[in-house]
Amino acid sequence: MEDPTLEELIRNKGSKYNAKKLIRKKSRQTYLASTKPKCCVRCGCVDCFEVDHIMPISKFSLDTKVRDITHIDNLQALCPTCHSLKS
């Protein structure tokens, strides 16, 4: 499956949980390979960061291509504290 939709990925992986896990892994790889800052975009913390989806995975429709969910323009770095406070 080269360019699956979210629905196809869920079906292929057997559950939403497994599909989201794969999406998060791909998103982190995409972010790390990018030139975006490797620090929290909110507080500037450089100690550690998590890759955050600006538009959460759950907000995408099932017919959305996974490549659109994991696109670098939908990703940002947040420290664990800012990530947990994100509204």
Protein backbone atom coordinates (compact mmCIF):
# COMPACT_ATOMS: atom_id res chain seq x y z
CA MET A 1 0.00 0.00 0.00
CA GLU A 2 1.95 2.93 -1.34
CA ASP A 3 -0.33 5.92 -0.77
CA PRO A 4 -3.16 4.82 1.54
CA THR A 5 -6.05 6.81 2.93
CA LEU A 6 -6.58 6.88 6.67
CA GLU A 7 -9.42 4.37 6.26
CA GLU A 8 -7.25 1.98 4.26
CA LEU A 9 -4.45 2.22 6.81
CA ILE A 10 -6.85 1.48 9.69
CA ARG A 11 -8.19 -1.54 7.81
CA ASN A 12 -4.67 -2.71 6.92
CA LYS A 13 -3.32 -2.30 10.47
CA GLY A 14 -6.39 -3.83 12.13
CA SER A 15 -7.27 -0.90 14.40
CA LYS A 16 -7.26 2.88 14.73
CA TYR A 17 -4.68 2.55 17.50
CA ASN A 18 -2.19 0.72 15.27
CA ALA A 19 -2.81 3.10 12.36
CA LYS A 20 -2.25 6.18 14.56
CA LYS A 21 0.90 4.61 15.98
CA LEU A 22 2.29 4.23 12.46
CA ILE A 23 1.25 7.78 11.54
CA ARG A 24 3.02 9.15 14.63
CA LYS A 25 6.18 7.21 13.75
CA LYS A 26 6.13 8.47 10.14
CA SER A 27 5.46 12.03 11.36
CA ARG A 28 8.47 11.93 13.68
CA GLN A 29 10.69 10.64 10.85
CA THR A 30 9.41 13.39 8.56
CA TYR A 31 10.02 16.07 11.19
CA LEU A 32 13.51 14.87 12.07
CA ALA A 33 14.48 14.86 8.38
CA SER A 34 13.21 18.43 7.94
CA THR A 35 14.94 21.73 8.58
CA LYS A 36 12.30 22.79 11.12
CA PRO A 37 13.63 23.75 14.58
CA LYS A 38 14.31 20.86 16.94
CA CYS A 39 13.00 22.75 19.96
CA CYS A 40 9.60 23.66 21.38
CA VAL A 41 7.90 26.29 19.21
CA ARG A 42 6.03 27.65 22.24
CA CYS A 43 8.60 27.97 25.01
CA GLY A 44 11.87 27.34 23.18
CA CYS A 45 12.88 24.34 25.31
CA VAL A 46 15.77 22.52 23.63
CA ASP A 47 16.10 19.61 26.09
CA CYS A 48 13.50 17.42 24.41
CA PHE A 49 10.56 17.73 22.08
CA GLU A 50 7.61 15.74 20.79
CA VAL A 51 6.26 15.98 17.27
CA ASP A 52 2.77 17.45 17.39
CA HIS A 53 0.14 17.40 14.65
CA ILE A 54 -1.15 20.96 14.27
CA MET A 55 -4.43 19.50 13.03
CA PRO A 56 -4.90 16.35 15.14
CA ILE A 57 -5.11 12.97 13.43
CA SER A 58 -8.65 12.53 14.77
CA LYS A 59 -9.86 15.65 12.90
CA PHE A 60 -9.02 14.25 9.46
CA SER A 61 -11.70 12.46 7.47
CA LEU A 62 -11.21 8.79 6.67
CA ASP A 63 -10.65 9.55 2.98
CA THR A 64 -7.61 11.75 3.75
CA LYS A 65 -4.32 10.47 2.40
CA VAL A 66 -1.84 9.58 5.14
CA ARG A 67 0.77 11.71 3.34
CA ASP A 68 -1.42 14.77 4.04
CA ILE A 69 -1.65 13.96 7.76
CA THR A 70 2.12 13.48 8.04
CA HIS A 71 3.02 16.45 5.83
CA ILE A 72 5.66 18.70 7.35
CA ASP A 73 3.30 21.68 7.23
CA ASN A 74 1.05 19.87 9.72
CA LEU A 75 3.89 19.14 12.17
CA GLN A 76 5.54 21.16 14.89
CA ALA A 77 7.83 20.52 17.84
CA LEU A 78 6.50 20.92 21.37
CA CYS A 79 8.13 20.06 24.68
CA PRO A 80 6.16 17.52 26.73
CA THR A 81 4.75 20.26 28.97
CA CYS A 82 3.49 22.47 26.14
CA HIS A 83 2.20 19.40 24.29
CA SER A 84 0.13 18.36 27.30
CA LEU A 85 -1.24 21.92 27.66
CA LYS A 86 -2.19 22.22 23.98
CA SER A 87 -5.88 22.96 23.64
